[in-house]
Amino acid sequence: MSKKKAKTKVNAKNIFDKRIAKSLVGKNSEETIEIFCNLNQKYFYHLAQKYKLKERQISSLVGFKDEFFVKILIDQIIKENSFGEKFYCTKVTANEKSGLSARVIKFNGKDKTLTVGGDCVIFRKSDNKPLMIIECKEYIDMIRMKEVIGESRVIKDSILKSINLLGDIKFCIFSEVLELTDGWANFLKNSDLKHQIDEIFIIRNGKRKDKENKPVKENLIKFKKYIEYFLINFK
Protein backbone atom coordinates (compact mmCIF):
# COMPACT_ATOMS: atom_id res chain seq x y z
CA MET A 1 0.00 0.00 0.00
CA SER A 2 1.55 3.28 -1.07
CA LYS A 3 1.97 5.97 1.45
CA LYS A 4 0.07 9.17 0.87
CA LYS A 5 2.25 12.17 0.17
CA ALA A 6 2.13 14.83 2.85
CA LYS A 7 0.17 17.82 1.67
CA THR A 8 2.09 21.05 1.27
CA LYS A 9 0.75 23.61 3.69
CA VAL A 10 -1.12 26.31 1.81
CA ASN A 11 -0.24 29.76 3.08
CA ALA A 12 0.32 33.24 1.69
CA LYS A 13 4.11 32.84 1.42
CA ASN A 14 3.91 29.57 -0.54
CA ILE A 15 1.30 30.97 -2.90
CA PHE A 16 3.28 34.15 -3.48
CA ASP A 17 6.56 32.32 -4.10
CA LYS A 18 5.03 29.74 -6.48
CA ARG A 19 2.31 31.71 -8.27
CA ILE A 20 3.32 35.37 -8.26
CA ALA A 21 6.98 36.20 -7.54
CA LYS A 22 8.59 35.33 -10.88
CA SER A 23 5.93 37.18 -12.87
CA LEU A 24 6.75 40.45 -11.08
CA VAL A 25 10.38 40.56 -12.20
CA GLY A 26 11.14 42.53 -15.34
CA LYS A 27 14.36 42.54 -17.37
CA ASN A 28 15.22 45.90 -15.83
CA SER A 29 13.83 48.41 -13.33
CA GLU A 30 11.62 50.13 -15.92
CA GLU A 31 10.00 46.87 -16.95
CA THR A 32 9.51 45.82 -13.32
CA ILE A 33 7.66 49.08 -12.65
CA GLU A 34 5.47 48.51 -15.75
CA ILE A 35 4.54 45.02 -14.54
CA PHE A 36 3.76 46.26 -11.04
CA CYS A 37 1.58 49.08 -12.39
CA ASN A 38 -0.70 46.56 -14.10
CA LEU A 39 -1.61 44.70 -10.91
CA ASN A 40 -4.52 45.82 -8.78
CA GLN A 41 -5.55 44.43 -5.41
CA LYS A 42 -8.45 42.52 -6.92
CA TYR A 43 -6.02 40.11 -8.55
CA PHE A 44 -4.52 39.18 -5.18
CA TYR A 45 -7.91 38.86 -3.49
CA HIS A 46 -9.12 36.51 -6.24
CA LEU A 47 -5.99 34.41 -5.81
CA ALA A 48 -6.48 34.35 -2.04
CA GLN A 49 -10.08 33.21 -2.45
CA LYS A 50 -9.04 30.49 -4.88
CA TYR A 51 -6.70 29.01 -2.28
CA LYS A 52 -9.12 29.71 0.60
CA LEU A 53 -6.81 32.00 2.53
CA LYS A 54 -8.16 33.68 5.65
CA GLU A 55 -8.35 37.47 6.02
CA ARG A 56 -4.96 37.91 7.71
CA GLN A 57 -3.31 35.72 5.07
CA ILE A 58 -4.84 37.93 2.36
CA SER A 59 -3.12 40.96 3.90
CA SER A 60 0.10 38.96 4.06
CA LEU A 61 -0.18 38.13 0.35
CA VAL A 62 -0.50 41.83 -0.49
CA GLY A 63 2.38 42.63 1.86
CA PHE A 64 4.71 40.06 0.28
CA LYS A 65 4.05 41.67 -3.09
CA ASP A 66 5.18 45.12 -1.93
CA GLU A 67 8.25 43.84 -0.07
CA PHE A 68 9.26 41.74 -3.07
CA PHE A 69 8.80 44.64 -5.50
CA VAL A 70 10.87 47.06 -3.39
CA LYS A 71 13.68 44.51 -2.97
CA ILE A 72 13.77 43.59 -6.68
CA LEU A 73 13.65 47.23 -7.77
CA ILE A 74 16.52 48.25 -5.46
CA ASP A 75 18.60 45.26 -6.60
CA GLN A 76 18.02 46.28 -10.22
CA ILE A 77 18.90 49.92 -9.49
CA ILE A 78 22.16 48.80 -7.86
CA LYS A 79 22.98 46.57 -10.85
CA GLU A 80 22.05 49.15 -13.50
CA ASN A 81 24.28 51.77 -11.86
CA SER A 82 27.18 49.30 -11.34
CA PHE A 83 26.96 49.76 -7.57
CA GLY A 84 27.29 46.07 -6.72
CA GLU A 85 30.70 46.60 -5.13
CA LYS A 86 29.39 49.41 -2.92
CA PHE A 87 25.88 48.47 -1.74
CA TYR A 88 23.57 45.55 -1.13
CA CYS A 89 19.97 45.23 0.02
CA THR A 90 18.34 42.64 2.28
CA LYS A 91 15.39 42.10 4.62
CA VAL A 92 16.13 42.26 8.35
CA THR A 93 13.81 40.33 10.65
CA ALA A 94 13.40 40.29 14.41
CA ASN A 95 15.54 38.07 16.57
CA GLU A 96 13.16 35.59 18.24
CA LYS A 97 14.69 35.96 21.71
CA SER A 98 15.09 39.70 21.94
CA GLY A 99 12.46 41.19 19.63
CA LEU A 100 12.94 44.86 18.82
CA SER A 101 16.00 45.17 21.03
CA ALA A 102 18.20 43.21 18.66
CA ARG A 103 17.59 42.27 15.03
CA VAL A 104 20.41 40.25 13.61
CA ILE A 105 21.51 39.40 10.09
CA LYS A 106 24.35 37.15 8.97
CA PHE A 107 26.89 38.60 6.57
CA ASN A 108 30.14 36.80 5.72
CA GLY A 109 29.58 34.54 8.69
CA LYS A 110 29.28 37.38 11.21
CA ASP A 111 26.29 38.73 13.12
CA LYS A 112 25.30 42.32 12.40
CA THR A 113 22.79 43.89 14.77
CA LEU A 114 20.19 46.60 14.11
CA THR A 115 18.05 48.23 16.77
CA VAL A 116 15.02 47.70 14.52
CA GLY A 117 14.49 45.72 11.37
CA GLY A 118 13.11 46.60 8.00
CA ASP A 119 11.43 45.03 5.00
CA CYS A 120 14.33 46.31 2.89
CA VAL A 121 17.59 47.62 4.32
CA ILE A 122 20.34 49.06 2.10
CA PHE A 123 23.85 48.44 3.42
CA ARG A 124 27.28 49.77 2.55
CA LYS A 125 29.39 46.75 1.61
CA SER A 126 32.73 48.01 2.93
CA ASP A 127 31.67 47.84 6.58
CA ASN A 128 28.08 46.45 6.47
CA LYS A 129 26.71 49.72 7.79
CA PRO A 130 22.94 50.13 7.25
CA LEU A 131 22.23 53.27 5.21
CA MET A 132 18.48 53.18 4.58
CA ILE A 133 15.58 51.27 6.15
CA ILE A 134 12.40 50.93 4.08
CA GLU A 135 9.21 49.69 5.75
CA CYS A 136 6.32 48.47 3.58
CA LYS A 137 2.79 49.14 4.86
CA GLU A 138 -0.50 47.98 3.37
CA TYR A 139 -1.92 51.33 4.48
CA ILE A 140 -1.28 54.22 6.86
CA ASP A 141 -4.14 55.19 9.15
CA MET A 142 -4.11 56.89 12.56
CA ILE A 143 -2.81 53.79 14.36
CA ARG A 144 -0.09 53.05 11.82
CA MET A 145 0.84 56.71 11.72
CA LYS A 146 1.72 56.39 15.42
CA GLU A 147 3.60 53.17 14.68
CA VAL A 148 5.81 54.68 12.00
CA ILE A 149 6.51 57.75 14.13
CA GLY A 150 7.52 55.41 16.94
CA GLU A 151 9.72 53.40 14.60
CA SER A 152 11.41 56.54 13.33
CA ARG A 153 12.17 57.62 16.90
CA VAL A 154 13.75 54.26 17.67
CA ILE A 155 15.87 54.44 14.52
CA LYS A 156 16.85 58.11 14.67
CA ASP A 157 17.31 58.77 18.38
CA SER A 158 20.56 58.07 20.22
CA ILE A 159 20.15 54.53 21.55
CA LEU A 160 22.68 52.76 23.72
CA LYS A 161 25.05 50.55 21.70
CA SER A 162 23.41 51.43 18.40
CA ILE A 163 24.31 55.06 17.77
CA ASN A 164 27.49 54.25 15.81
CA LEU A 165 25.72 51.64 13.74
CA LEU A 166 22.65 53.73 12.96
CA GLY A 167 24.16 57.19 12.58
CA ASP A 168 22.83 59.16 9.59
CA ILE A 169 20.47 56.39 8.53
CA LYS A 170 17.50 57.14 6.26
CA PHE A 171 14.03 55.85 7.18
CA CYS A 172 11.34 55.62 4.48
CA ILE A 173 7.80 54.26 4.26
CA PHE A 174 6.40 52.52 1.16
CA SER A 175 2.62 52.29 1.54
CA GLU A 176 -0.20 51.03 -0.68
CA VAL A 177 -2.63 53.79 0.34
CA LEU A 178 -2.96 56.68 2.78
CA GLU A 179 -6.08 56.36 4.92
CA LEU A 180 -5.87 59.70 6.69
CA THR A 181 -8.04 62.77 6.22
CA ASP A 182 -6.40 65.53 4.20
CA GLY A 183 -5.83 67.48 7.40
CA TRP A 184 -4.03 64.63 9.19
CA ALA A 185 -2.05 63.72 6.08
CA ASN A 186 -0.85 67.31 5.81
CA PHE A 187 -0.07 67.35 9.54
CA LEU A 188 2.01 64.17 9.27
CA LYS A 189 3.99 65.53 6.35
CA ASN A 190 4.60 69.07 7.59
CA SER A 191 4.75 68.96 11.39
CA ASP A 192 7.03 67.54 14.05
CA LEU A 193 4.73 64.50 14.14
CA LYS A 194 6.74 63.32 11.18
CA HIS A 195 9.79 63.23 13.48
CA GLN A 196 12.55 62.01 11.18
CA ILE A 197 10.74 59.92 8.61
CA ASP A 198 12.71 60.91 5.53
CA GLU A 199 10.09 60.12 2.90
CA ILE A 200 6.66 58.51 2.65
CA PHE A 201 5.74 56.97 -0.72
CA ILE A 202 2.03 56.30 -1.35
CA ILE A 203 1.68 54.15 -4.46
CA ARG A 204 -2.09 53.96 -5.07
CA ASN A 205 -4.88 56.53 -4.98
CA GLY A 206 -8.01 55.95 -2.91
CA LYS A 207 -8.50 53.57 0.02
CA ARG A 208 -8.01 49.86 0.72
CA LYS A 209 -11.57 49.14 -0.39
CA ASP A 210 -10.78 50.49 -3.87
CA LYS A 211 -9.36 47.20 -5.10
CA GLU A 212 -9.55 48.17 -8.78
CA ASN A 213 -7.02 51.00 -8.35
CA LYS A 214 -3.60 50.15 -9.73
CA PRO A 215 -0.27 51.60 -8.57
CA VAL A 216 0.38 55.05 -10.02
CA LYS A 217 3.40 54.88 -12.32
CA GLU A 218 4.56 58.41 -11.46
CA ASN A 219 4.66 57.47 -7.77
CA LEU A 220 6.81 54.42 -8.45
CA ILE A 221 9.15 56.41 -10.68
CA LYS A 222 9.48 58.95 -7.87
CA PHE A 223 10.47 56.13 -5.51
CA LYS A 224 13.00 54.78 -8.02
CA LYS A 225 14.57 58.21 -8.53
CA TYR A 226 14.77 58.76 -4.78
CA ILE A 227 16.75 55.53 -4.33
CA GLU A 228 18.98 56.27 -7.33
CA TYR A 229 19.74 59.81 -6.15
CA PHE A 230 20.57 58.57 -2.67
CA LEU A 231 22.99 55.89 -3.92
CA ILE A 232 24.61 58.07 -6.58
CA ASN A 233 25.23 60.93 -4.15
CA PHE A 234 26.14 58.88 -1.08
CA LYS A 235 29.57 59.75 0.28
C-alpha atoms as a PDB file:
ATOM      1  CA  MET A   1       0.000   0.000   0.000  1.00  0.00           C
ATOM      2  CA  SER A   2       1.552   3.278  -1.075  1.00  0.00           C
ATOM      3  CA  LYS A   3       1.972   5.973   1.455  1.00  0.00           C
ATOM      4  CA  LYS A   4       0.073   9.168   0.870  1.00  0.00           C
ATOM      5  CA  LYS A   5       2.251  12.175   0.167  1.00  0.00           C
ATOM      6  CA  ALA A   6       2.134  14.830   2.853  1.00  0.00           C
ATOM      7  CA  LYS A   7       0.168  17.824   1.674  1.00  0.00           C
ATOM      8  CA  THR A   8       2.090  21.054   1.269  1.00  0.00           C
ATOM      9  CA  LYS A   9       0.752  23.609   3.693  1.00  0.00           C
ATOM     10  CA  VAL A  10      -1.123  26.312   1.814  1.00  0.00           C
ATOM     11  CA  ASN A  11      -0.245  29.758   3.084  1.00  0.00           C
ATOM     12  CA  ALA A  12       0.320  33.236   1.690  1.00  0.00           C
ATOM     13  CA  LYS A  13       4.114  32.838   1.417  1.00  0.00           C
ATOM     14  CA  ASN A  14       3.910  29.569  -0.536  1.00  0.00           C
ATOM     15  CA  ILE A  15       1.298  30.967  -2.903  1.00  0.00           C
ATOM     16  CA  PHE A  16       3.279  34.145  -3.477  1.00  0.00           C
ATOM     17  CA  ASP A  17       6.561  32.318  -4.105  1.00  0.00           C
ATOM     18  CA  LYS A  18       5.033  29.743  -6.479  1.00  0.00           C
ATOM     19  CA  ARG A  19       2.310  31.706  -8.269  1.00  0.00           C
ATOM     20  CA  ILE A  20       3.316  35.366  -8.260  1.00  0.00           C
ATOM     21  CA  ALA A  21       6.976  36.202  -7.538  1.00  0.00           C
ATOM     22  CA  LYS A  22       8.592  35.334 -10.881  1.00  0.00           C
ATOM     23  CA  SER A  23       5.926  37.176 -12.870  1.00  0.00           C
ATOM     24  CA  LEU A  24       6.745  40.455 -11.078  1.00  0.00           C
ATOM     25  CA  VAL A  25      10.382  40.561 -12.197  1.00  0.00           C
ATOM     26  CA  GLY A  26      11.142  42.527 -15.341  1.00  0.00           C
ATOM     27  CA  LYS A  27      14.358  42.536 -17.370  1.00  0.00           C
ATOM     28  CA  ASN A  28      15.221  45.899 -15.827  1.00  0.00           C
ATOM     29  CA  SER A  29      13.827  48.406 -13.332  1.00  0.00           C
ATOM     30  CA  GLU A  30      11.619  50.132 -15.915  1.00  0.00           C
ATOM     31  CA  GLU A  31       9.996  46.868 -16.952  1.00  0.00           C
ATOM     32  CA  THR A  32       9.506  45.820 -13.322  1.00  0.00           C
ATOM     33  CA  ILE A  33       7.657  49.084 -12.653  1.00  0.00           C
ATOM     34  CA  GLU A  34       5.471  48.512 -15.745  1.00  0.00           C
ATOM     35  CA  ILE A  35       4.537  45.016 -14.540  1.00  0.00           C
ATOM     36  CA  PHE A  36       3.757  46.257 -11.044  1.00  0.00           C
ATOM     37  CA  CYS A  37       1.575  49.079 -12.388  1.00  0.00           C
ATOM     38  CA  ASN A  38      -0.700  46.559 -14.101  1.00  0.00           C
ATOM     39  CA  LEU A  39      -1.610  44.697 -10.914  1.00  0.00           C
ATOM     40  CA  ASN A  40      -4.520  45.817  -8.783  1.00  0.00           C
ATOM     41  CA  GLN A  41      -5.547  44.431  -5.407  1.00  0.00           C
ATOM     42  CA  LYS A  42      -8.453  42.521  -6.920  1.00  0.00           C
ATOM     43  CA  TYR A  43      -6.016  40.111  -8.554  1.00  0.00           C
ATOM     44  CA  PHE A  44      -4.520  39.180  -5.182  1.00  0.00           C
ATOM     45  CA  TYR A  45      -7.908  38.864  -3.489  1.00  0.00           C
ATOM     46  CA  HIS A  46      -9.118  36.511  -6.236  1.00  0.00           C
ATOM     47  CA  LEU A  47      -5.990  34.411  -5.813  1.00  0.00           C
ATOM     48  CA  ALA A  48      -6.480  34.354  -2.042  1.00  0.00           C
ATOM     49  CA  GLN A  49     -10.078  33.205  -2.451  1.00  0.00           C
ATOM     50  CA  LYS A  50      -9.036  30.485  -4.884  1.00  0.00           C
ATOM     51  CA  TYR A  51      -6.701  29.005  -2.278  1.00  0.00           C
ATOM     52  CA  LYS A  52      -9.120  29.713   0.599  1.00  0.00           C
ATOM     53  CA  LEU A  53      -6.810  31.997   2.528  1.00  0.00           C
ATOM     54  CA  LYS A  54      -8.160  33.681   5.647  1.00  0.00           C
ATOM     55  CA  GLU A  55      -8.346  37.468   6.020  1.00  0.00           C
ATOM     56  CA  ARG A  56      -4.965  37.910   7.709  1.00  0.00           C
ATOM     57  CA  GLN A  57      -3.313  35.725   5.069  1.00  0.00           C
ATOM     58  CA  ILE A  58      -4.837  37.926   2.355  1.00  0.00           C
ATOM     59  CA  SER A  59      -3.123  40.957   3.903  1.00  0.00           C
ATOM     60  CA  SER A  60       0.104  38.960   4.061  1.00  0.00           C
ATOM     61  CA  LEU A  61      -0.176  38.132   0.354  1.00  0.00           C
ATOM     62  CA  VAL A  62      -0.497  41.833  -0.486  1.00  0.00           C
ATOM     63  CA  GLY A  63       2.381  42.629   1.861  1.00  0.00           C
ATOM     64  CA  PHE A  64       4.710  40.065   0.284  1.00  0.00           C
ATOM     65  CA  LYS A  65       4.055  41.672  -3.088  1.00  0.00           C
ATOM     66  CA  ASP A  66       5.176  45.117  -1.929  1.00  0.00           C
ATOM     67  CA  GLU A  67       8.247  43.836  -0.071  1.00  0.00           C
ATOM     68  CA  PHE A  68       9.260  41.744  -3.070  1.00  0.00           C
ATOM     69  CA  PHE A  69       8.800  44.638  -5.497  1.00  0.00           C
ATOM     70  CA  VAL A  70      10.873  47.059  -3.392  1.00  0.00           C
ATOM     71  CA  LYS A  71      13.682  44.511  -2.966  1.00  0.00           C
ATOM     72  CA  ILE A  72      13.773  43.589  -6.679  1.00  0.00           C
ATOM     73  CA  LEU A  73      13.650  47.235  -7.771  1.00  0.00           C
ATOM     74  CA  ILE A  74      16.519  48.247  -5.461  1.00  0.00           C
ATOM     75  CA  ASP A  75      18.601  45.259  -6.595  1.00  0.00           C
ATOM     76  CA  GLN A  76      18.020  46.280 -10.220  1.00  0.00           C
ATOM     77  CA  ILE A  77      18.900  49.922  -9.491  1.00  0.00           C
ATOM     78  CA  ILE A  78      22.162  48.797  -7.862  1.00  0.00           C
ATOM     79  CA  LYS A  79      22.976  46.574 -10.848  1.00  0.00           C
ATOM     80  CA  GLU A  80      22.054  49.150 -13.497  1.00  0.00           C
ATOM     81  CA  ASN A  81      24.281  51.771 -11.861  1.00  0.00           C
ATOM     82  CA  SER A  82      27.176  49.302 -11.340  1.00  0.00           C
ATOM     83  CA  PHE A  83      26.960  49.762  -7.570  1.00  0.00           C
ATOM     84  CA  GLY A  84      27.291  46.066  -6.721  1.00  0.00           C
ATOM     85  CA  GLU A  85      30.700  46.599  -5.133  1.00  0.00           C
ATOM     86  CA  LYS A  86      29.393  49.407  -2.921  1.00  0.00           C
ATOM     87  CA  PHE A  87      25.877  48.474  -1.737  1.00  0.00           C
ATOM     88  CA  TYR A  88      23.565  45.552  -1.126  1.00  0.00           C
ATOM     89  CA  CYS A  89      19.973  45.230   0.017  1.00  0.00           C
ATOM     90  CA  THR A  90      18.338  42.638   2.280  1.00  0.00           C
ATOM     91  CA  LYS A  91      15.394  42.097   4.622  1.00  0.00           C
ATOM     92  CA  VAL A  92      16.132  42.258   8.351  1.00  0.00           C
ATOM     93  CA  THR A  93      13.811  40.333  10.653  1.00  0.00           C
ATOM     94  CA  ALA A  94      13.395  40.287  14.409  1.00  0.00           C
ATOM     95  CA  ASN A  95      15.543  38.073  16.573  1.00  0.00           C
ATOM     96  CA  GLU A  96      13.163  35.594  18.236  1.00  0.00           C
ATOM     97  CA  LYS A  97      14.686  35.964  21.714  1.00  0.00           C
ATOM     98  CA  SER A  98      15.092  39.704  21.937  1.00  0.00           C
ATOM     99  CA  GLY A  99      12.458  41.186  19.625  1.00  0.00           C
ATOM    100  CA  LEU A 100      12.936  44.859  18.819  1.00  0.00           C
ATOM    101  CA  SER A 101      15.997  45.171  21.034  1.00  0.00           C
ATOM    102  CA  ALA A 102      18.201  43.207  18.656  1.00  0.00           C
ATOM    103  CA  ARG A 103      17.589  42.269  15.033  1.00  0.00           C
ATOM    104  CA  VAL A 104      20.412  40.251  13.614  1.00  0.00           C
ATOM    105  CA  ILE A 105      21.513  39.396  10.088  1.00  0.00           C
ATOM    106  CA  LYS A 106      24.349  37.154   8.970  1.00  0.00           C
ATOM    107  CA  PHE A 107      26.891  38.595   6.566  1.00  0.00           C
ATOM    108  CA  ASN A 108      30.137  36.805   5.721  1.00  0.00           C
ATOM    109  CA  GLY A 109      29.581  34.539   8.691  1.00  0.00           C
ATOM    110  CA  LYS A 110      29.283  37.383  11.210  1.00  0.00           C
ATOM    111  CA  ASP A 111      26.289  38.726  13.121  1.00  0.00           C
ATOM    112  CA  LYS A 112      25.302  42.322  12.400  1.00  0.00           C
ATOM    113  CA  THR A 113      22.788  43.889  14.772  1.00  0.00           C
ATOM    114  CA  LEU A 114      20.188  46.601  14.113  1.00  0.00           C
ATOM    115  CA  THR A 115      18.049  48.230  16.768  1.00  0.00           C
ATOM    116  CA  VAL A 116      15.019  47.698  14.520  1.00  0.00           C
ATOM    117  CA  GLY A 117      14.493  45.720  11.367  1.00  0.00           C
ATOM    118  CA  GLY A 118      13.107  46.602   8.001  1.00  0.00           C
ATOM    119  CA  ASP A 119      11.431  45.032   5.003  1.00  0.00           C
ATOM    120  CA  CYS A 120      14.331  46.312   2.888  1.00  0.00           C
ATOM    121  CA  VAL A 121      17.592  47.622   4.317  1.00  0.00           C
ATOM    122  CA  ILE A 122      20.337  49.064   2.101  1.00  0.00           C
ATOM    123  CA  PHE A 123      23.847  48.440   3.424  1.00  0.00           C
ATOM    124  CA  ARG A 124      27.278  49.766   2.554  1.00  0.00           C
ATOM    125  CA  LYS A 125      29.393  46.749   1.614  1.00  0.00           C
ATOM    126  CA  SER A 126      32.728  48.014   2.927  1.00  0.00           C
ATOM    127  CA  ASP A 127      31.667  47.836   6.579  1.00  0.00           C
ATOM    128  CA  ASN A 128      28.084  46.449   6.468  1.00  0.00           C
ATOM    129  CA  LYS A 129      26.706  49.722   7.792  1.00  0.00           C
ATOM    130  CA  PRO A 130      22.935  50.127   7.250  1.00  0.00           C
ATOM    131  CA  LEU A 131      22.233  53.274   5.215  1.00  0.00           C
ATOM    132  CA  MET A 132      18.485  53.176   4.585  1.00  0.00           C
ATOM    133  CA  ILE A 133      15.578  51.271   6.152  1.00  0.00           C
ATOM    134  CA  ILE A 134      12.395  50.931   4.080  1.00  0.00           C
ATOM    135  CA  GLU A 135       9.206  49.690   5.750  1.00  0.00           C
ATOM    136  CA  CYS A 136       6.319  48.472   3.583  1.00  0.00           C
ATOM    137  CA  LYS A 137       2.790  49.140   4.860  1.00  0.00           C
ATOM    138  CA  GLU A 138      -0.498  47.985   3.373  1.00  0.00           C
ATOM    139  CA  TYR A 139      -1.918  51.329   4.479  1.00  0.00           C
ATOM    140  CA  ILE A 140      -1.277  54.217   6.863  1.00  0.00           C
ATOM    141  CA  ASP A 141      -4.141  55.186   9.154  1.00  0.00           C
ATOM    142  CA  MET A 142      -4.107  56.892  12.563  1.00  0.00           C
ATOM    143  CA  ILE A 143      -2.813  53.790  14.362  1.00  0.00           C
ATOM    144  CA  ARG A 144      -0.093  53.055  11.818  1.00  0.00           C
ATOM    145  CA  MET A 145       0.840  56.715  11.723  1.00  0.00           C
ATOM    146  CA  LYS A 146       1.718  56.389  15.421  1.00  0.00           C
ATOM    147  CA  GLU A 147       3.605  53.169  14.682  1.00  0.00           C
ATOM    148  CA  VAL A 148       5.814  54.681  11.997  1.00  0.00           C
ATOM    149  CA  ILE A 149       6.506  57.748  14.125  1.00  0.00           C
ATOM    150  CA  GLY A 150       7.524  55.410  16.941  1.00  0.00           C
ATOM    151  CA  GLU A 151       9.721  53.396  14.600  1.00  0.00           C
ATOM    152  CA  SER A 152      11.415  56.542  13.328  1.00  0.00           C
ATOM    153  CA  ARG A 153      12.167  57.617  16.903  1.00  0.00           C
ATOM    154  CA  VAL A 154      13.752  54.258  17.670  1.00  0.00           C
ATOM    155  CA  ILE A 155      15.869  54.438  14.525  1.00  0.00           C
ATOM    156  CA  LYS A 156      16.854  58.106  14.671  1.00  0.00           C
ATOM    157  CA  ASP A 157      17.311  58.773  18.379  1.00  0.00           C
ATOM    158  CA  SER A 158      20.558  58.071  20.219  1.00  0.00           C
ATOM    159  CA  ILE A 159      20.148  54.533  21.551  1.00  0.00           C
ATOM    160  CA  LEU A 160      22.677  52.762  23.717  1.00  0.00           C
ATOM    161  CA  LYS A 161      25.050  50.545  21.702  1.00  0.00           C
ATOM    162  CA  SER A 162      23.409  51.435  18.401  1.00  0.00           C
ATOM    163  CA  ILE A 163      24.313  55.056  17.769  1.00  0.00           C
ATOM    164  CA  ASN A 164      27.486  54.253  15.809  1.00  0.00           C
ATOM    165  CA  LEU A 165      25.720  51.640  13.735  1.00  0.00           C
ATOM    166  CA  LEU A 166      22.652  53.726  12.965  1.00  0.00           C
ATOM    167  CA  GLY A 167      24.164  57.188  12.580  1.00  0.00           C
ATOM    168  CA  ASP A 168      22.826  59.160   9.591  1.00  0.00           C
ATOM    169  CA  ILE A 169      20.465  56.386   8.531  1.00  0.00           C
ATOM    170  CA  LYS A 170      17.496  57.137   6.256  1.00  0.00           C
ATOM    171  CA  PHE A 171      14.034  55.855   7.176  1.00  0.00           C
ATOM    172  CA  CYS A 172      11.341  55.621   4.485  1.00  0.00           C
ATOM    173  CA  ILE A 173       7.800  54.262   4.255  1.00  0.00           C
ATOM    174  CA  PHE A 174       6.404  52.520   1.162  1.00  0.00           C
ATOM    175  CA  SER A 175       2.622  52.286   1.542  1.00  0.00           C
ATOM    176  CA  GLU A 176      -0.196  51.031  -0.676  1.00  0.00           C
ATOM    177  CA  VAL A 177      -2.627  53.788   0.336  1.00  0.00           C
ATOM    178  CA  LEU A 178      -2.963  56.683   2.781  1.00  0.00           C
ATOM    179  CA  GLU A 179      -6.083  56.362   4.918  1.00  0.00           C
ATOM    180  CA  LEU A 180      -5.872  59.703   6.688  1.00  0.00           C
ATOM    181  CA  THR A 181      -8.040  62.766   6.223  1.00  0.00           C
ATOM    182  CA  ASP A 182      -6.396  65.527   4.196  1.00  0.00           C
ATOM    183  CA  GLY A 183      -5.835  67.480   7.400  1.00  0.00           C
ATOM    184  CA  TRP A 184      -4.033  64.630   9.188  1.00  0.00           C
ATOM    185  CA  ALA A 185      -2.050  63.721   6.082  1.00  0.00           C
ATOM    186  CA  ASN A 186      -0.847  67.315   5.813  1.00  0.00           C
ATOM    187  CA  PHE A 187      -0.068  67.354   9.540  1.00  0.00           C
ATOM    188  CA  LEU A 188       2.006  64.171   9.271  1.00  0.00           C
ATOM    189  CA  LYS A 189       3.991  65.529   6.355  1.00  0.00           C
ATOM    190  CA  ASN A 190       4.604  69.066   7.595  1.00  0.00           C
ATOM    191  CA  SER A 191       4.754  68.964  11.389  1.00  0.00           C
ATOM    192  CA  ASP A 192       7.034  67.539  14.053  1.00  0.00           C
ATOM    193  CA  LEU A 193       4.735  64.505  14.142  1.00  0.00           C
ATOM    194  CA  LYS A 194       6.743  63.317  11.175  1.00  0.00           C
ATOM    195  CA  HIS A 195       9.795  63.230  13.476  1.00  0.00           C
ATOM    196  CA  GLN A 196      12.548  62.011  11.179  1.00  0.00           C
ATOM    197  CA  ILE A 197      10.737  59.917   8.608  1.00  0.00           C
ATOM    198  CA  ASP A 198      12.710  60.915   5.532  1.00  0.00           C
ATOM    199  CA  GLU A 199      10.094  60.124   2.904  1.00  0.00           C
ATOM    200  CA  ILE A 200       6.658  58.508   2.648  1.00  0.00           C
ATOM    201  CA  PHE A 201       5.736  56.972  -0.715  1.00  0.00           C
ATOM    202  CA  ILE A 202       2.030  56.297  -1.355  1.00  0.00           C
ATOM    203  CA  ILE A 203       1.684  54.148  -4.462  1.00  0.00           C
ATOM    204  CA  ARG A 204      -2.092  53.959  -5.070  1.00  0.00           C
ATOM    205  CA  ASN A 205      -4.884  56.525  -4.981  1.00  0.00           C
ATOM    206  CA  GLY A 206      -8.009  55.955  -2.908  1.00  0.00           C
ATOM    207  CA  LYS A 207      -8.496  53.574   0.016  1.00  0.00           C
ATOM    208  CA  ARG A 208      -8.010  49.864   0.722  1.00  0.00           C
ATOM    209  CA  LYS A 209     -11.572  49.144  -0.386  1.00  0.00           C
ATOM    210  CA  ASP A 210     -10.779  50.491  -3.870  1.00  0.00           C
ATOM    211  CA  LYS A 211      -9.357  47.197  -5.099  1.00  0.00           C
ATOM    212  CA  GLU A 212      -9.545  48.172  -8.776  1.00  0.00           C
ATOM    213  CA  ASN A 213      -7.021  50.997  -8.348  1.00  0.00           C
ATOM    214  CA  LYS A 214      -3.600  50.153  -9.730  1.00  0.00           C
ATOM    215  CA  PRO A 215      -0.271  51.599  -8.573  1.00  0.00           C
ATOM    216  CA  VAL A 216       0.378  55.049 -10.025  1.00  0.00           C
ATOM    217  CA  LYS A 217       3.405  54.878 -12.316  1.00  0.00           C
ATOM    218  CA  GLU A 218       4.560  58.406 -11.460  1.00  0.00           C
ATOM    219  CA  ASN A 219       4.657  57.466  -7.770  1.00  0.00           C
ATOM    220  CA  LEU A 220       6.809  54.416  -8.450  1.00  0.00           C
ATOM    221  CA  ILE A 221       9.151  56.410 -10.676  1.00  0.00           C
ATOM    222  CA  LYS A 222       9.483  58.951  -7.872  1.00  0.00           C
ATOM    223  CA  PHE A 223      10.472  56.127  -5.514  1.00  0.00           C
ATOM    224  CA  LYS A 224      13.001  54.778  -8.016  1.00  0.00           C
ATOM    225  CA  LYS A 225      14.568  58.215  -8.531  1.00  0.00           C
ATOM    226  CA  TYR A 226      14.767  58.757  -4.778  1.00  0.00           C
ATOM    227  CA  ILE A 227      16.755  55.526  -4.335  1.00  0.00           C
ATOM    228  CA  GLU A 228      18.983  56.269  -7.327  1.00  0.00           C
ATOM    229  CA  TYR A 229      19.742  59.808  -6.153  1.00  0.00           C
ATOM    230  CA  PHE A 230      20.573  58.567  -2.666  1.00  0.00           C
ATOM    231  CA  LEU A 231      22.994  55.894  -3.917  1.00  0.00           C
ATOM    232  CA  ILE A 232      24.613  58.072  -6.585  1.00  0.00           C
ATOM    233  CA  ASN A 233      25.226  60.929  -4.150  1.00  0.00           C
ATOM    234  CA  PHE A 234      26.137  58.882  -1.081  1.00  0.00           C
ATOM    235  CA  LYS A 235      29.570  59.750   0.276  1.00  0.00           C
END
